[in-house]
N, C-alpha and C. Protein backbone atom coordinates (compact mmCIF):
# COMPACT_ATOMS: atom_id res chain seq x y z
N MET A 1 35.76 -24.82 -83.50
CA MET A 1 34.99 -24.30 -84.61
C MET A 1 33.88 -23.41 -84.08
N GLU A 2 33.61 -22.36 -84.83
CA GLU A 2 32.47 -21.51 -84.50
C GLU A 2 31.41 -21.71 -85.57
N LEU A 3 30.19 -21.80 -85.13
CA LEU A 3 29.08 -21.94 -86.07
C LEU A 3 28.71 -20.59 -86.63
N ASP A 4 28.29 -20.59 -87.89
CA ASP A 4 27.81 -19.37 -88.53
C ASP A 4 26.30 -19.30 -88.32
N MET A 5 25.91 -18.53 -87.32
CA MET A 5 24.50 -18.47 -86.93
C MET A 5 23.65 -17.60 -87.87
N VAL A 6 24.29 -16.79 -88.71
CA VAL A 6 23.53 -15.89 -89.59
C VAL A 6 23.66 -16.26 -91.06
N GLY A 7 24.47 -17.25 -91.37
CA GLY A 7 24.69 -17.65 -92.76
C GLY A 7 23.53 -18.44 -93.33
N ASN A 8 23.70 -18.87 -94.56
CA ASN A 8 22.66 -19.63 -95.26
C ASN A 8 22.65 -21.10 -94.91
N LYS A 9 23.76 -21.62 -94.41
CA LYS A 9 23.86 -23.05 -94.13
C LYS A 9 23.25 -23.35 -92.77
N PRO A 10 22.29 -24.27 -92.72
CA PRO A 10 21.65 -24.61 -91.44
C PRO A 10 22.68 -25.10 -90.41
N ILE A 11 22.40 -24.82 -89.15
CA ILE A 11 23.31 -25.19 -88.07
C ILE A 11 23.52 -26.70 -88.02
N TYR A 12 22.45 -27.48 -88.21
CA TYR A 12 22.61 -28.93 -88.14
C TYR A 12 23.53 -29.46 -89.25
N VAL A 13 23.54 -28.80 -90.42
CA VAL A 13 24.46 -29.18 -91.50
C VAL A 13 25.89 -28.84 -91.09
N GLN A 14 26.07 -27.68 -90.46
CA GLN A 14 27.40 -27.31 -89.98
C GLN A 14 27.92 -28.31 -88.94
N ILE A 15 27.04 -28.80 -88.08
CA ILE A 15 27.41 -29.80 -87.09
C ILE A 15 27.84 -31.09 -87.80
N SER A 16 27.08 -31.51 -88.77
CA SER A 16 27.39 -32.70 -89.54
C SER A 16 28.75 -32.57 -90.23
N GLU A 17 28.99 -31.42 -90.84
CA GLU A 17 30.27 -31.18 -91.52
C GLU A 17 31.43 -31.13 -90.53
N TRP A 18 31.20 -30.55 -89.35
CA TRP A 18 32.23 -30.51 -88.32
C TRP A 18 32.60 -31.93 -87.89
N LEU A 19 31.59 -32.77 -87.68
CA LEU A 19 31.85 -34.16 -87.31
C LEU A 19 32.62 -34.88 -88.42
N GLU A 20 32.25 -34.62 -89.67
CA GLU A 20 32.98 -35.22 -90.79
C GLU A 20 34.45 -34.80 -90.76
N ASN A 21 34.69 -33.53 -90.49
CA ASN A 21 36.07 -33.04 -90.43
C ASN A 21 36.84 -33.71 -89.29
N GLU A 22 36.17 -33.92 -88.17
CA GLU A 22 36.79 -34.62 -87.04
C GLU A 22 37.17 -36.05 -87.45
N ILE A 23 36.31 -36.67 -88.23
CA ILE A 23 36.56 -38.03 -88.72
C ILE A 23 37.73 -38.02 -89.71
N LEU A 24 37.72 -37.08 -90.65
CA LEU A 24 38.79 -37.00 -91.64
C LEU A 24 40.15 -36.73 -91.00
N CYS A 25 40.16 -35.98 -89.92
CA CYS A 25 41.41 -35.68 -89.20
C CYS A 25 41.76 -36.79 -88.21
N GLU A 26 40.94 -37.83 -88.19
CA GLU A 26 41.13 -39.00 -87.33
C GLU A 26 41.11 -38.67 -85.84
N ARG A 27 40.33 -37.67 -85.49
CA ARG A 27 40.10 -37.38 -84.07
C ARG A 27 39.02 -38.32 -83.53
N ILE A 28 38.26 -38.91 -84.45
CA ILE A 28 37.30 -39.95 -84.12
C ILE A 28 37.64 -41.13 -85.03
N ARG A 29 37.79 -42.29 -84.44
CA ARG A 29 38.22 -43.47 -85.20
C ARG A 29 37.10 -44.50 -85.30
N GLU A 30 37.27 -45.45 -86.22
CA GLU A 30 36.28 -46.50 -86.45
C GLU A 30 35.86 -47.18 -85.15
N ASN A 31 34.58 -47.38 -85.02
CA ASN A 31 33.96 -48.06 -83.88
C ASN A 31 34.13 -47.31 -82.56
N GLU A 32 34.53 -46.06 -82.63
CA GLU A 32 34.66 -45.22 -81.44
C GLU A 32 33.36 -44.45 -81.24
N LYS A 33 33.00 -44.26 -79.98
CA LYS A 33 31.79 -43.49 -79.66
C LYS A 33 32.02 -42.02 -80.01
N ILE A 34 31.00 -41.43 -80.62
CA ILE A 34 31.10 -40.00 -80.97
C ILE A 34 30.42 -39.18 -79.88
N TYR A 35 30.50 -37.87 -80.03
CA TYR A 35 29.85 -36.95 -79.11
C TYR A 35 28.34 -37.19 -79.11
N SER A 36 27.74 -37.06 -77.96
CA SER A 36 26.28 -37.16 -77.87
C SER A 36 25.67 -35.84 -78.32
N GLN A 37 24.36 -35.86 -78.57
CA GLN A 37 23.68 -34.62 -78.95
C GLN A 37 23.79 -33.59 -77.83
N TYR A 38 23.82 -34.05 -76.60
CA TYR A 38 23.91 -33.12 -75.46
C TYR A 38 25.32 -32.53 -75.33
N GLN A 39 26.33 -33.34 -75.61
CA GLN A 39 27.71 -32.81 -75.60
C GLN A 39 27.88 -31.76 -76.70
N LEU A 40 27.37 -32.07 -77.88
CA LEU A 40 27.47 -31.12 -79.00
C LEU A 40 26.69 -29.85 -78.69
N ALA A 41 25.51 -30.02 -78.11
CA ALA A 41 24.69 -28.85 -77.76
C ALA A 41 25.43 -27.95 -76.79
N GLU A 42 26.11 -28.56 -75.83
CA GLU A 42 26.86 -27.76 -74.85
C GLU A 42 28.10 -27.12 -75.49
N MET A 43 28.79 -27.89 -76.33
CA MET A 43 30.00 -27.38 -76.99
C MET A 43 29.71 -26.15 -77.85
N PHE A 44 28.58 -26.20 -78.57
CA PHE A 44 28.27 -25.16 -79.54
C PHE A 44 27.15 -24.22 -79.10
N ASN A 45 26.66 -24.45 -77.89
CA ASN A 45 25.59 -23.62 -77.34
C ASN A 45 24.37 -23.59 -78.26
N ILE A 46 23.91 -24.79 -78.60
CA ILE A 46 22.75 -24.95 -79.48
C ILE A 46 21.74 -25.89 -78.82
N ASN A 47 20.59 -26.00 -79.43
CA ASN A 47 19.55 -26.89 -78.94
C ASN A 47 19.96 -28.35 -79.21
N PRO A 48 19.77 -29.26 -78.24
CA PRO A 48 20.12 -30.66 -78.46
C PRO A 48 19.41 -31.28 -79.67
N ALA A 49 18.20 -30.84 -79.97
CA ALA A 49 17.49 -31.36 -81.14
C ALA A 49 18.21 -31.00 -82.44
N THR A 50 18.81 -29.82 -82.48
CA THR A 50 19.59 -29.39 -83.65
C THR A 50 20.83 -30.25 -83.79
N ALA A 51 21.49 -30.50 -82.67
CA ALA A 51 22.68 -31.36 -82.69
C ALA A 51 22.30 -32.77 -83.14
N ALA A 52 21.17 -33.27 -82.65
CA ALA A 52 20.72 -34.61 -83.04
C ALA A 52 20.46 -34.69 -84.54
N LYS A 53 19.91 -33.62 -85.09
CA LYS A 53 19.64 -33.59 -86.53
C LYS A 53 20.94 -33.70 -87.33
N GLY A 54 21.99 -33.04 -86.86
CA GLY A 54 23.31 -33.14 -87.51
C GLY A 54 23.87 -34.55 -87.42
N ILE A 55 23.73 -35.17 -86.27
CA ILE A 55 24.18 -36.55 -86.08
C ILE A 55 23.40 -37.49 -86.99
N ASN A 56 22.09 -37.27 -87.09
CA ASN A 56 21.24 -38.15 -87.89
C ASN A 56 21.56 -38.10 -89.38
N ILE A 57 22.06 -36.98 -89.85
CA ILE A 57 22.49 -36.90 -91.26
C ILE A 57 23.55 -37.97 -91.51
N LEU A 58 24.52 -38.05 -90.60
CA LEU A 58 25.60 -39.02 -90.76
C LEU A 58 25.12 -40.45 -90.55
N ALA A 59 24.18 -40.63 -89.65
CA ALA A 59 23.62 -41.96 -89.43
C ALA A 59 22.87 -42.42 -90.68
N ASP A 60 22.12 -41.52 -91.29
CA ASP A 60 21.37 -41.86 -92.50
C ASP A 60 22.30 -42.24 -93.66
N GLN A 61 23.52 -41.71 -93.65
CA GLN A 61 24.49 -42.01 -94.70
C GLN A 61 25.33 -43.24 -94.39
N GLY A 62 25.10 -43.84 -93.23
CA GLY A 62 25.88 -45.02 -92.84
C GLY A 62 27.24 -44.69 -92.28
N ILE A 63 27.48 -43.43 -91.97
CA ILE A 63 28.75 -43.01 -91.40
C ILE A 63 28.78 -43.37 -89.90
N LEU A 64 27.63 -43.27 -89.26
CA LEU A 64 27.49 -43.61 -87.85
C LEU A 64 26.50 -44.74 -87.68
N TYR A 65 26.65 -45.48 -86.60
CA TYR A 65 25.66 -46.50 -86.26
C TYR A 65 25.35 -46.40 -84.78
N LYS A 66 24.16 -46.86 -84.42
CA LYS A 66 23.68 -46.73 -83.05
C LYS A 66 23.83 -48.06 -82.31
N LYS A 67 24.33 -47.97 -81.10
CA LYS A 67 24.31 -49.11 -80.18
C LYS A 67 23.28 -48.77 -79.13
N ARG A 68 22.23 -49.52 -79.13
CA ARG A 68 21.10 -49.24 -78.24
C ARG A 68 21.57 -49.07 -76.80
N GLY A 69 21.22 -47.94 -76.23
CA GLY A 69 21.56 -47.65 -74.84
C GLY A 69 22.97 -47.14 -74.63
N LEU A 70 23.79 -47.13 -75.68
CA LEU A 70 25.19 -46.71 -75.54
C LEU A 70 25.52 -45.44 -76.31
N GLY A 71 24.80 -45.19 -77.40
CA GLY A 71 25.06 -43.99 -78.19
C GLY A 71 25.41 -44.32 -79.63
N MET A 72 26.01 -43.33 -80.28
CA MET A 72 26.37 -43.44 -81.70
C MET A 72 27.87 -43.70 -81.82
N PHE A 73 28.21 -44.53 -82.80
CA PHE A 73 29.60 -44.94 -83.02
C PHE A 73 29.96 -44.76 -84.49
N LEU A 74 31.25 -44.63 -84.74
CA LEU A 74 31.74 -44.42 -86.10
C LEU A 74 31.82 -45.76 -86.83
N SER A 75 31.18 -45.83 -87.97
CA SER A 75 31.15 -47.05 -88.77
C SER A 75 32.52 -47.35 -89.37
N ALA A 76 32.71 -48.62 -89.71
CA ALA A 76 33.91 -49.02 -90.44
C ALA A 76 33.88 -48.34 -91.81
N LYS A 77 35.02 -47.94 -92.27
CA LYS A 77 35.17 -47.29 -93.59
C LYS A 77 34.47 -45.94 -93.68
N ALA A 78 34.10 -45.34 -92.56
CA ALA A 78 33.41 -44.05 -92.57
C ALA A 78 34.28 -42.97 -93.22
N LYS A 79 35.55 -42.96 -92.87
CA LYS A 79 36.45 -41.94 -93.43
C LYS A 79 36.50 -42.06 -94.95
N GLU A 80 36.60 -43.29 -95.44
CA GLU A 80 36.66 -43.52 -96.88
C GLU A 80 35.36 -43.09 -97.56
N LYS A 81 34.23 -43.33 -96.92
CA LYS A 81 32.93 -42.92 -97.48
C LYS A 81 32.85 -41.40 -97.59
N ILE A 82 33.32 -40.71 -96.55
CA ILE A 82 33.29 -39.24 -96.57
C ILE A 82 34.22 -38.72 -97.65
N GLN A 83 35.44 -39.28 -97.73
CA GLN A 83 36.40 -38.85 -98.74
C GLN A 83 35.83 -39.05 -100.14
N TYR A 84 35.23 -40.22 -100.38
CA TYR A 84 34.67 -40.51 -101.70
C TYR A 84 33.60 -39.49 -102.06
N ARG A 85 32.65 -39.25 -101.14
CA ARG A 85 31.57 -38.32 -101.42
C ARG A 85 32.10 -36.91 -101.65
N ARG A 86 33.02 -36.48 -100.81
CA ARG A 86 33.53 -35.11 -100.95
C ARG A 86 34.35 -34.94 -102.23
N LYS A 87 35.13 -35.96 -102.60
CA LYS A 87 35.91 -35.87 -103.85
C LYS A 87 35.01 -35.88 -105.07
N ASN A 88 34.06 -36.80 -105.08
CA ASN A 88 33.26 -37.03 -106.27
C ASN A 88 32.03 -36.15 -106.39
N HIS A 89 31.70 -35.43 -105.35
CA HIS A 89 30.54 -34.53 -105.41
C HIS A 89 30.97 -33.11 -105.07
N THR A 90 31.37 -32.90 -103.84
CA THR A 90 31.70 -31.55 -103.37
C THR A 90 32.86 -30.94 -104.14
N LEU A 91 34.00 -31.63 -104.17
CA LEU A 91 35.19 -31.09 -104.82
C LEU A 91 34.98 -30.96 -106.33
N LYS A 92 34.35 -31.95 -106.92
CA LYS A 92 34.08 -31.90 -108.37
C LYS A 92 33.23 -30.68 -108.72
N LYS A 93 32.20 -30.41 -107.92
CA LYS A 93 31.34 -29.26 -108.18
C LYS A 93 32.13 -27.95 -108.04
N LEU A 94 32.97 -27.87 -107.01
CA LEU A 94 33.79 -26.67 -106.82
C LEU A 94 34.73 -26.45 -108.00
N VAL A 95 35.36 -27.51 -108.47
CA VAL A 95 36.28 -27.41 -109.60
C VAL A 95 35.52 -26.94 -110.85
N GLU A 96 34.34 -27.51 -111.06
CA GLU A 96 33.54 -27.10 -112.22
C GLU A 96 33.20 -25.62 -112.15
N GLU A 97 32.85 -25.12 -110.97
CA GLU A 97 32.54 -23.70 -110.80
C GLU A 97 33.76 -22.83 -111.06
N VAL A 98 34.93 -23.27 -110.60
CA VAL A 98 36.17 -22.52 -110.81
C VAL A 98 36.51 -22.48 -112.30
N VAL A 99 36.36 -23.59 -112.99
CA VAL A 99 36.66 -23.64 -114.42
C VAL A 99 35.72 -22.72 -115.21
N VAL A 100 34.45 -22.72 -114.87
CA VAL A 100 33.49 -21.83 -115.55
C VAL A 100 33.88 -20.37 -115.31
N GLU A 101 34.21 -20.03 -114.07
CA GLU A 101 34.60 -18.64 -113.77
C GLU A 101 35.90 -18.27 -114.47
N ALA A 102 36.85 -19.21 -114.53
CA ALA A 102 38.12 -18.94 -115.23
C ALA A 102 37.86 -18.65 -116.71
N ARG A 103 36.98 -19.40 -117.31
CA ARG A 103 36.65 -19.16 -118.73
C ARG A 103 36.04 -17.77 -118.91
N ARG A 104 35.14 -17.41 -118.01
CA ARG A 104 34.51 -16.08 -118.09
C ARG A 104 35.54 -14.97 -118.01
N LEU A 105 36.57 -15.21 -117.20
CA LEU A 105 37.59 -14.19 -116.97
C LEU A 105 38.75 -14.27 -117.96
N GLY A 106 38.70 -15.25 -118.85
CA GLY A 106 39.77 -15.40 -119.84
C GLY A 106 41.04 -15.99 -119.26
N VAL A 107 40.93 -16.72 -118.18
CA VAL A 107 42.08 -17.38 -117.56
C VAL A 107 42.26 -18.72 -118.25
N ASP A 108 43.46 -18.93 -118.86
CA ASP A 108 43.68 -20.20 -119.55
C ASP A 108 44.09 -21.29 -118.56
N GLU A 109 44.15 -22.51 -119.08
CA GLU A 109 44.42 -23.68 -118.24
C GLU A 109 45.75 -23.56 -117.50
N GLU A 110 46.77 -23.11 -118.19
CA GLU A 110 48.10 -22.99 -117.59
C GLU A 110 48.10 -21.99 -116.42
N GLU A 111 47.44 -20.86 -116.63
CA GLU A 111 47.37 -19.85 -115.57
C GLU A 111 46.55 -20.38 -114.38
N LEU A 112 45.46 -21.08 -114.67
CA LEU A 112 44.63 -21.64 -113.61
C LEU A 112 45.40 -22.68 -112.79
N ILE A 113 46.12 -23.54 -113.47
CA ILE A 113 46.94 -24.55 -112.77
C ILE A 113 48.00 -23.87 -111.93
N GLY A 114 48.58 -22.80 -112.44
CA GLY A 114 49.56 -22.03 -111.67
C GLY A 114 48.95 -21.45 -110.41
N MET A 115 47.73 -20.93 -110.53
CA MET A 115 47.02 -20.40 -109.36
C MET A 115 46.77 -21.50 -108.32
N MET A 116 46.41 -22.68 -108.82
CA MET A 116 46.15 -23.80 -107.90
C MET A 116 47.42 -24.21 -107.18
N ARG A 117 48.51 -24.27 -107.91
CA ARG A 117 49.80 -24.65 -107.28
C ARG A 117 50.19 -23.62 -106.22
N GLU A 118 50.01 -22.35 -106.56
CA GLU A 118 50.37 -21.29 -105.61
C GLU A 118 49.49 -21.36 -104.37
N ALA A 119 48.20 -21.61 -104.55
CA ALA A 119 47.29 -21.70 -103.43
C ALA A 119 47.62 -22.88 -102.53
N GLY A 120 48.21 -23.93 -103.11
CA GLY A 120 48.55 -25.12 -102.33
C GLY A 120 49.85 -25.04 -101.58
N ARG A 121 50.63 -23.99 -101.84
CA ARG A 121 51.92 -23.84 -101.15
C ARG A 121 51.69 -23.38 -99.72
N PRO A 122 52.49 -23.92 -98.82
CA PRO A 122 52.38 -23.45 -97.42
C PRO A 122 52.88 -22.02 -97.29
N ASP A 123 52.27 -21.30 -96.36
CA ASP A 123 52.72 -19.93 -96.10
C ASP A 123 54.12 -19.95 -95.51
N PRO A 124 54.95 -18.97 -95.91
CA PRO A 124 56.34 -18.94 -95.38
C PRO A 124 56.38 -18.61 -93.91
C-alpha cells in the first residue's frame, strides 16, 4: 500500500485502515503480534509517532491489546468488530450517499441495482 501524503485523510488514519484491511484479509490473526510502530515507520517511511497514533486508534477500539514488554496483539473477535463497524457505519453512509446522488440524477432503484450488480462482476 502507498500512503496518500497530500490527501485529506491523515497518515495515522491511513495506517489504522491499512492494519484493519490486513486483519480483514486474515494476514494478522487473533492473538498474533502486529507490526510495531518502528516496523510500520520503516515500511511506510513515516515518523514512528505517526505509526503509533494509527496503532492506538485500534487499541482504543479494543481491536488490539498490549502485552507489557512484548508489543501489541490482535484481540479476539477483532475481525468481527471491524466488519460490524464498517458495515453499520462506513458502508451504510456510502450507500446513503449513493442513493441521494441517484435520486438527484433520476436513476431509479432498478437501474441503481443493475449498476451495483455490474460493478460487482469480476473483470473478464
